[in-house]
N, C-alpha and C. Protein backbone atom coordinates (compact mmCIF):
# COMPACT_ATOMS: atom_id res chain seq x y z
N MET A 1 -15.01 15.80 0.96
CA MET A 1 -14.45 14.29 -0.75
C MET A 1 -13.51 13.22 0.12
N ALA A 2 -13.82 12.35 0.43
CA ALA A 2 -13.27 11.18 0.81
C ALA A 2 -12.15 10.54 0.43
N LYS A 3 -10.74 10.52 1.21
CA LYS A 3 -9.28 9.94 0.57
C LYS A 3 -9.42 8.98 -0.75
N LYS A 4 -8.31 8.52 -1.16
CA LYS A 4 -9.07 7.92 -1.42
C LYS A 4 -7.66 6.33 -1.38
N ILE A 5 -7.39 5.78 -1.51
CA ILE A 5 -6.94 4.49 -1.57
C ILE A 5 -7.15 3.51 -2.76
N MET A 6 -5.36 2.33 -3.11
CA MET A 6 -5.44 1.69 -3.65
C MET A 6 -5.05 0.23 -3.02
N VAL A 7 -6.01 -0.92 -3.19
CA VAL A 7 -4.94 -1.74 -2.03
C VAL A 7 -5.01 -2.77 -3.36
N ILE A 8 -3.08 -3.11 -3.46
CA ILE A 8 -3.12 -4.49 -3.92
C ILE A 8 -2.58 -5.53 -3.26
N GLU A 9 -3.19 -6.73 -3.61
CA GLU A 9 -3.00 -8.12 -2.51
C GLU A 9 -4.30 -8.93 -3.14
N ASP A 10 -2.96 -10.69 -3.52
CA ASP A 10 -3.34 -11.05 -4.20
C ASP A 10 -4.09 -12.32 -3.99
N GLU A 11 -4.24 -12.39 -1.91
CA GLU A 11 -5.10 -12.85 -1.36
C GLU A 11 -6.32 -12.45 -1.11
N GLU A 12 -7.57 -12.84 -1.15
CA GLU A 12 -8.86 -12.57 -1.55
C GLU A 12 -9.51 -11.90 -0.12
N ASN A 13 -9.26 -12.72 1.05
CA ASN A 13 -9.44 -12.63 2.03
C ASN A 13 -9.14 -11.46 2.62
N VAL A 14 -7.38 -11.76 3.01
CA VAL A 14 -6.65 -10.87 3.24
C VAL A 14 -7.21 -8.96 2.49
N ARG A 15 -7.08 -8.58 0.95
CA ARG A 15 -7.42 -7.92 0.70
C ARG A 15 -9.18 -7.66 0.90
N LEU A 16 -10.19 -8.34 0.71
CA LEU A 16 -11.12 -7.95 1.59
C LEU A 16 -11.71 -7.23 2.90
N VAL A 17 -10.24 -7.94 3.74
CA VAL A 17 -10.58 -7.66 5.56
C VAL A 17 -10.10 -5.96 4.97
N VAL A 18 -9.00 -5.83 4.51
CA VAL A 18 -8.38 -4.79 4.50
C VAL A 18 -9.29 -3.56 3.63
N SER A 19 -9.50 -3.53 3.34
CA SER A 19 -10.58 -3.09 2.17
C SER A 19 -12.08 -2.32 3.07
N LEU A 20 -13.11 -3.53 3.64
CA LEU A 20 -13.75 -2.89 4.25
C LEU A 20 -13.10 -2.24 5.43
N SER A 21 -12.10 -2.51 6.27
CA SER A 21 -11.73 -1.88 7.26
C SER A 21 -11.52 -0.36 6.69
N LEU A 22 -11.14 -0.20 5.38
CA LEU A 22 -10.50 1.14 4.97
C LEU A 22 -11.45 1.85 5.11
N GLU A 23 -12.46 0.91 4.64
CA GLU A 23 -14.21 1.80 3.60
C GLU A 23 -14.66 1.95 4.52
N LYS A 24 -15.27 1.28 6.17
CA LYS A 24 -15.35 1.38 7.39
C LYS A 24 -15.41 3.48 7.40
N GLU A 25 -14.41 3.39 7.32
CA GLU A 25 -12.85 4.16 7.89
C GLU A 25 -13.39 5.48 6.91
N GLY A 26 -14.35 5.26 5.99
CA GLY A 26 -15.01 6.37 5.19
C GLY A 26 -14.04 6.89 4.09
N TYR A 27 -13.09 5.59 3.75
CA TYR A 27 -12.01 5.75 2.82
C TYR A 27 -12.83 5.08 1.37
N GLU A 28 -12.18 5.79 0.09
CA GLU A 28 -12.75 5.31 -0.76
C GLU A 28 -11.85 4.25 -1.38
N VAL A 29 -12.21 3.18 -1.96
CA VAL A 29 -10.75 1.86 -1.72
C VAL A 29 -11.13 1.00 -3.60
N GLU A 30 -10.44 1.16 -4.16
CA GLU A 30 -10.04 0.04 -5.28
C GLU A 30 -9.36 -0.78 -5.14
N SER A 31 -10.06 -2.06 -4.60
CA SER A 31 -9.24 -2.91 -4.06
C SER A 31 -8.24 -3.71 -5.85
N VAL A 32 -7.52 -4.35 -6.31
CA VAL A 32 -7.01 -5.23 -6.83
C VAL A 32 -5.96 -6.68 -6.80
N ALA A 33 -6.18 -7.34 -6.74
CA ALA A 33 -5.31 -7.98 -7.46
C ALA A 33 -4.25 -9.28 -7.41
N THR A 34 -3.55 -8.48 -8.74
CA THR A 34 -2.36 -8.23 -9.10
C THR A 34 -1.89 -6.94 -9.49
N GLY A 35 -0.54 -7.06 -9.22
CA GLY A 35 0.44 -6.06 -9.55
C GLY A 35 -0.17 -5.16 -11.25
N GLU A 36 -0.08 -5.92 -12.31
CA GLU A 36 -0.25 -5.52 -13.58
C GLU A 36 -1.51 -4.73 -13.97
N GLU A 37 -3.07 -5.48 -12.60
CA GLU A 37 -3.87 -4.30 -12.52
C GLU A 37 -4.21 -3.57 -12.20
N ALA A 38 -3.20 -3.35 -11.20
CA ALA A 38 -2.77 -1.55 -9.43
C ALA A 38 -2.00 -0.99 -11.68
N LEU A 39 -0.99 -1.31 -11.99
CA LEU A 39 -0.38 -0.65 -12.53
C LEU A 39 -1.46 -0.09 -14.09
N GLU A 40 -1.73 -0.40 -14.25
CA GLU A 40 -3.45 -0.66 -15.52
C GLU A 40 -4.17 0.72 -14.86
N LYS A 41 -4.23 0.78 -13.36
CA LYS A 41 -5.50 1.37 -13.31
C LYS A 41 -5.17 2.52 -12.36
N VAL A 42 -3.61 2.90 -11.66
CA VAL A 42 -3.58 3.52 -11.00
C VAL A 42 -3.47 4.88 -10.78
N VAL A 43 -3.83 5.03 -12.16
CA VAL A 43 -3.36 7.03 -13.24
C VAL A 43 -4.84 7.19 -12.79
N ASP A 44 -5.97 6.59 -13.28
CA ASP A 44 -7.09 6.75 -13.14
C ASP A 44 -7.58 6.92 -12.55
N PHE A 45 -7.02 5.76 -11.07
CA PHE A 45 -8.01 6.08 -9.56
C PHE A 45 -7.76 6.88 -9.19
N ALA A 46 -5.87 7.27 -9.23
CA ALA A 46 -5.22 8.61 -8.63
C ALA A 46 -5.15 8.55 -6.97
N PRO A 47 -4.77 7.48 -6.60
CA PRO A 47 -5.24 7.21 -5.07
C PRO A 47 -4.32 7.96 -3.80
N ASP A 48 -4.94 8.52 -3.09
CA ASP A 48 -3.74 8.97 -1.80
C ASP A 48 -2.59 8.49 -1.36
N LEU A 49 -3.10 6.83 -1.40
CA LEU A 49 -2.42 5.95 -0.65
C LEU A 49 -2.33 4.87 -1.47
N ILE A 50 -1.66 4.52 -1.65
CA ILE A 50 -1.30 2.43 -2.24
C ILE A 50 -0.90 1.82 -0.94
N VAL A 51 -1.94 0.25 -0.67
CA VAL A 51 -1.04 -0.40 -0.21
C VAL A 51 -0.70 -1.68 -0.82
N LEU A 52 -0.21 -2.43 -0.23
CA LEU A 52 0.74 -2.81 -1.51
C LEU A 52 1.55 -4.75 -0.42
N ASP A 53 0.92 -5.13 -1.21
CA ASP A 53 1.90 -7.16 -0.38
C ASP A 53 3.14 -6.92 -1.49
N ILE A 54 3.28 -7.77 -0.79
CA ILE A 54 4.93 -8.39 -1.42
C ILE A 54 4.92 -9.44 -2.51
N MET A 55 4.51 -10.78 -1.80
CA MET A 55 4.37 -11.56 -2.06
C MET A 55 3.17 -11.75 -3.24
N MET A 56 3.38 -11.76 -4.55
CA MET A 56 2.39 -11.58 -4.97
C MET A 56 3.29 -12.65 -6.14
N PRO A 57 2.17 -13.48 -7.14
CA PRO A 57 1.88 -13.88 -8.77
C PRO A 57 2.50 -13.48 -9.20
N GLY A 58 3.22 -13.65 -10.62
CA GLY A 58 3.82 -12.95 -11.79
C GLY A 58 4.50 -11.15 -10.71
N MET A 59 3.82 -10.28 -11.20
CA MET A 59 4.58 -9.22 -10.61
C MET A 59 4.34 -8.92 -9.24
N ASP A 60 5.81 -9.22 -8.47
CA ASP A 60 5.80 -9.21 -7.09
C ASP A 60 5.67 -7.45 -6.98
N GLY A 61 5.41 -7.56 -5.60
CA GLY A 61 5.86 -6.32 -4.93
C GLY A 61 6.64 -5.17 -4.56
N TRP A 62 8.37 -5.49 -4.58
CA TRP A 62 9.05 -4.89 -5.62
C TRP A 62 9.02 -4.12 -6.51
N GLU A 63 8.57 -5.02 -7.78
CA GLU A 63 9.08 -4.72 -9.06
C GLU A 63 7.72 -3.21 -9.23
N VAL A 64 6.23 -3.74 -8.10
CA VAL A 64 5.42 -2.81 -8.42
C VAL A 64 5.68 -1.79 -7.79
N LEU A 65 6.30 -1.65 -6.44
CA LEU A 65 6.77 -0.24 -6.24
C LEU A 65 7.69 0.42 -7.00
N GLY A 66 9.41 -0.34 -7.18
CA GLY A 66 9.13 0.06 -8.40
C GLY A 66 8.61 1.22 -8.97
N LEU A 67 8.09 0.27 -10.08
CA LEU A 67 7.63 1.36 -11.15
C LEU A 67 6.68 2.74 -10.61
N LEU A 68 5.98 2.09 -9.57
CA LEU A 68 5.28 3.18 -8.95
C LEU A 68 6.43 4.51 -8.99
N LYS A 69 7.62 4.03 -8.70
CA LYS A 69 8.57 4.94 -7.77
C LYS A 69 8.62 6.29 -9.04
N SER A 70 9.36 5.82 -10.48
CA SER A 70 9.57 5.40 -11.52
C SER A 70 8.67 6.25 -12.47
N ASN A 71 7.67 6.45 -12.00
CA ASN A 71 6.60 7.33 -12.97
C ASN A 71 6.27 8.52 -12.60
N GLU A 72 6.84 9.25 -13.40
CA GLU A 72 6.73 10.82 -12.87
C GLU A 72 4.95 10.94 -12.26
N LEU A 73 3.63 10.49 -12.96
CA LEU A 73 2.27 10.15 -12.59
C LEU A 73 2.36 9.13 -11.31
N THR A 74 3.39 8.77 -10.99
CA THR A 74 2.73 8.00 -9.23
C THR A 74 4.10 7.97 -8.49
N GLU A 75 4.86 8.96 -8.53
CA GLU A 75 6.13 8.51 -7.54
C GLU A 75 5.93 8.98 -6.39
N LYS A 76 4.96 9.71 -5.91
CA LYS A 76 4.27 10.88 -4.52
C LYS A 76 3.55 10.53 -4.26
N ILE A 77 2.66 9.14 -5.08
CA ILE A 77 2.31 8.30 -4.12
C ILE A 77 2.90 7.73 -3.03
N PRO A 78 2.29 7.78 -2.01
CA PRO A 78 2.73 7.32 -0.51
C PRO A 78 2.47 5.60 -0.91
N VAL A 79 3.28 4.83 -0.52
CA VAL A 79 3.13 3.25 -0.31
C VAL A 79 3.61 2.37 0.62
N CYS A 80 2.32 2.09 1.04
CA CYS A 80 2.78 1.23 2.52
C CYS A 80 2.38 -0.69 2.49
N ILE A 81 3.45 -0.54 2.85
CA ILE A 81 4.37 -2.24 2.23
C ILE A 81 2.81 -3.10 3.66
N LEU A 82 2.08 -4.10 2.77
CA LEU A 82 1.53 -5.18 3.33
C LEU A 82 2.20 -6.44 3.82
N THR A 83 2.66 -7.05 4.91
CA THR A 83 3.39 -8.19 3.96
C THR A 83 2.98 -9.25 4.69
N ALA A 84 3.81 -10.43 4.68
CA ALA A 84 4.03 -11.51 6.10
C ALA A 84 5.87 -11.14 6.07
N LYS A 85 6.76 -11.34 5.35
CA LYS A 85 8.27 -10.74 5.62
C LYS A 85 8.64 -9.50 6.25
N GLY A 86 8.63 -10.15 7.43
CA GLY A 86 9.18 -9.56 9.00
C GLY A 86 10.47 -8.53 8.83
N GLU A 87 10.95 -9.20 8.37
CA GLU A 87 12.50 -9.52 8.35
C GLU A 87 12.73 -8.25 8.29
N VAL A 88 14.07 -7.55 9.07
CA VAL A 88 14.53 -6.42 8.51
C VAL A 88 14.97 -5.72 7.74
N ARG A 89 15.79 -7.07 7.37
CA ARG A 89 16.32 -6.51 5.90
C ARG A 89 14.64 -5.76 5.04
N ASP A 90 13.78 -6.89 4.70
CA ASP A 90 13.30 -6.39 4.13
C ASP A 90 12.51 -4.82 4.07
N MET A 91 12.45 -4.53 5.09
CA MET A 91 11.88 -3.17 6.00
C MET A 91 12.84 -2.25 5.09
N MET A 92 14.15 -2.34 5.30
CA MET A 92 14.75 -1.15 4.37
C MET A 92 15.11 -1.44 3.57
N TYR A 93 15.21 -2.73 2.90
CA TYR A 93 14.75 -2.70 0.99
C TYR A 93 13.93 -1.65 0.97
N ALA A 94 12.15 -2.17 1.66
CA ALA A 94 11.00 -0.59 1.18
C ALA A 94 11.41 0.70 1.03
N THR A 95 12.29 0.94 2.67
CA THR A 95 12.39 2.00 2.58
C THR A 95 13.13 2.74 1.87
N GLN A 96 14.19 1.87 1.48
CA GLN A 96 15.68 2.19 0.09
C GLN A 96 14.47 2.36 -1.31
N LYS A 97 13.26 1.31 -1.10
CA LYS A 97 12.36 1.94 -2.15
C LYS A 97 11.92 2.61 -2.75
N GLY A 98 11.88 3.21 -1.49
CA GLY A 98 10.30 4.91 -1.50
C GLY A 98 9.63 4.11 -1.27
N ALA A 99 8.88 3.16 0.05
CA ALA A 99 7.89 3.22 0.83
C ALA A 99 7.69 3.15 2.27
N ALA A 100 6.72 4.49 2.00
CA ALA A 100 6.18 5.23 3.66
C ALA A 100 6.54 4.41 4.97
N ASP A 101 5.76 3.11 4.59
CA ASP A 101 5.46 2.60 5.56
C ASP A 101 5.89 0.95 5.97
N TYR A 102 5.17 0.29 6.72
CA TYR A 102 6.18 -1.05 6.48
C TYR A 102 5.34 -2.25 7.23
N ILE A 103 4.47 -2.81 7.28
CA ILE A 103 3.28 -3.01 8.19
C ILE A 103 3.06 -4.89 8.07
N THR A 104 3.78 -5.32 8.89
CA THR A 104 3.55 -7.09 8.86
C THR A 104 2.79 -7.62 9.30
N LYS A 105 2.41 -8.39 8.44
CA LYS A 105 0.84 -9.77 8.80
C LYS A 105 1.33 -10.52 9.90
N PRO A 106 0.62 -11.51 10.77
CA PRO A 106 -0.50 -10.48 11.03
C PRO A 106 -0.62 -9.08 10.89
N PHE A 107 -2.09 -8.52 10.93
CA PHE A 107 -1.61 -7.32 12.01
C PHE A 107 -3.40 -7.05 12.27
N THR A 108 -4.00 -5.72 13.23
CA THR A 108 -4.15 -5.62 13.66
C THR A 108 -5.03 -4.86 12.94
N ARG A 109 -6.46 -4.65 12.91
CA ARG A 109 -8.08 -3.31 11.75
C ARG A 109 -7.17 -2.12 12.49
N LYS A 110 -6.94 -2.16 13.69
CA LYS A 110 -6.85 -1.14 14.19
C LYS A 110 -5.54 -0.47 13.87
N GLU A 111 -4.15 -1.43 13.93
CA GLU A 111 -2.57 -0.81 13.57
C GLU A 111 -2.98 -0.36 11.78
N LEU A 112 -3.41 -1.01 11.25
CA LEU A 112 -3.81 -0.66 9.62
C LEU A 112 -4.73 0.68 9.49
N VAL A 113 -5.89 0.74 10.09
CA VAL A 113 -6.51 2.16 10.27
C VAL A 113 -5.64 3.14 10.81
N ASP A 114 -5.07 3.11 12.07
CA ASP A 114 -4.68 4.14 12.46
C ASP A 114 -3.25 4.93 11.96
N ARG A 115 -2.79 3.51 11.27
CA ARG A 115 -1.09 3.56 10.21
C ARG A 115 -1.38 4.59 9.13
N VAL A 116 -2.65 3.66 8.36
CA VAL A 116 -3.49 4.89 6.98
C VAL A 116 -3.15 5.87 7.31
N GLY A 117 -4.31 6.22 8.74
CA GLY A 117 -4.67 7.34 8.95
C GLY A 117 -3.75 8.03 9.01
N LEU A 118 -2.50 7.99 9.62
CA LEU A 118 -1.67 8.81 9.88
C LEU A 118 -0.37 9.54 9.05
N LEU A 119 -0.79 9.10 7.50
CA LEU A 119 0.63 8.70 6.26
C LEU A 119 -0.52 10.11 5.88
N LEU A 120 -1.80 9.61 5.50
CA LEU A 120 -2.69 10.19 5.16
C LEU A 120 -2.44 12.04 5.71
N ALA A 121 -2.76 11.67 6.98
CA ALA A 121 -3.14 12.89 7.61
C ALA A 121 -1.81 13.91 7.58
N THR A 122 -0.38 13.39 8.19
CA THR A 122 0.57 14.08 7.82
C THR A 122 1.73 13.91 5.99
N GLY A 123 1.58 13.35 5.81
CA GLY A 123 2.24 13.30 4.23
C GLY A 123 2.99 12.15 4.75
N ALA A 124 3.25 11.53 3.61
CA ALA A 124 4.49 10.18 3.56
C ALA A 124 6.17 9.98 4.34
N GLU A 125 6.50 11.71 3.54
CA GLU A 125 7.99 11.13 3.80
C GLU A 125 8.27 11.94 5.58
N GLU A 126 7.45 12.32 6.43
CA GLU A 126 7.53 12.82 7.87
C GLU A 126 7.44 11.47 8.41
N THR A 127 6.28 10.59 8.10
CA THR A 127 5.82 9.68 9.02
C THR A 127 6.61 7.99 8.90
N SER A 128 7.64 7.69 7.70
CA SER A 128 8.11 6.37 7.43
C SER A 128 8.79 6.48 9.42
N SER A 129 7.89 5.28 8.91
CA SER A 129 8.42 4.26 10.64
C SER A 129 8.78 2.70 9.52
N VAL A 130 9.56 2.61 8.83
CA VAL A 130 9.96 1.30 9.32
C VAL A 130 11.68 1.39 9.26
């Protein structure tokens, strides 16, 4: 059975690249454009991993991450941040808020696929590279 990944990204072209890259690797992908939509679908979809953008209109990624980590139904799902925010303080904040990994844009398809694969293979707690 394929591992399930939810992609939360407001930029359509990035969402499409990420989703297609992961689908090509055999993952089942649910992609959404907003944090609100993600929170509506996450429990039913039950992803093994979430790829989350930070800078989104409306509910930003920090708020989504906080809500995911404060809900007993979603708190154990590893979250990989995918963002243009590359400052060390942002990476440290992500770790403090419970993110399992942090990938900065621009990224390569190989980097995305390799890091997602590592998170899924070994468990998020041991693989945090933030």
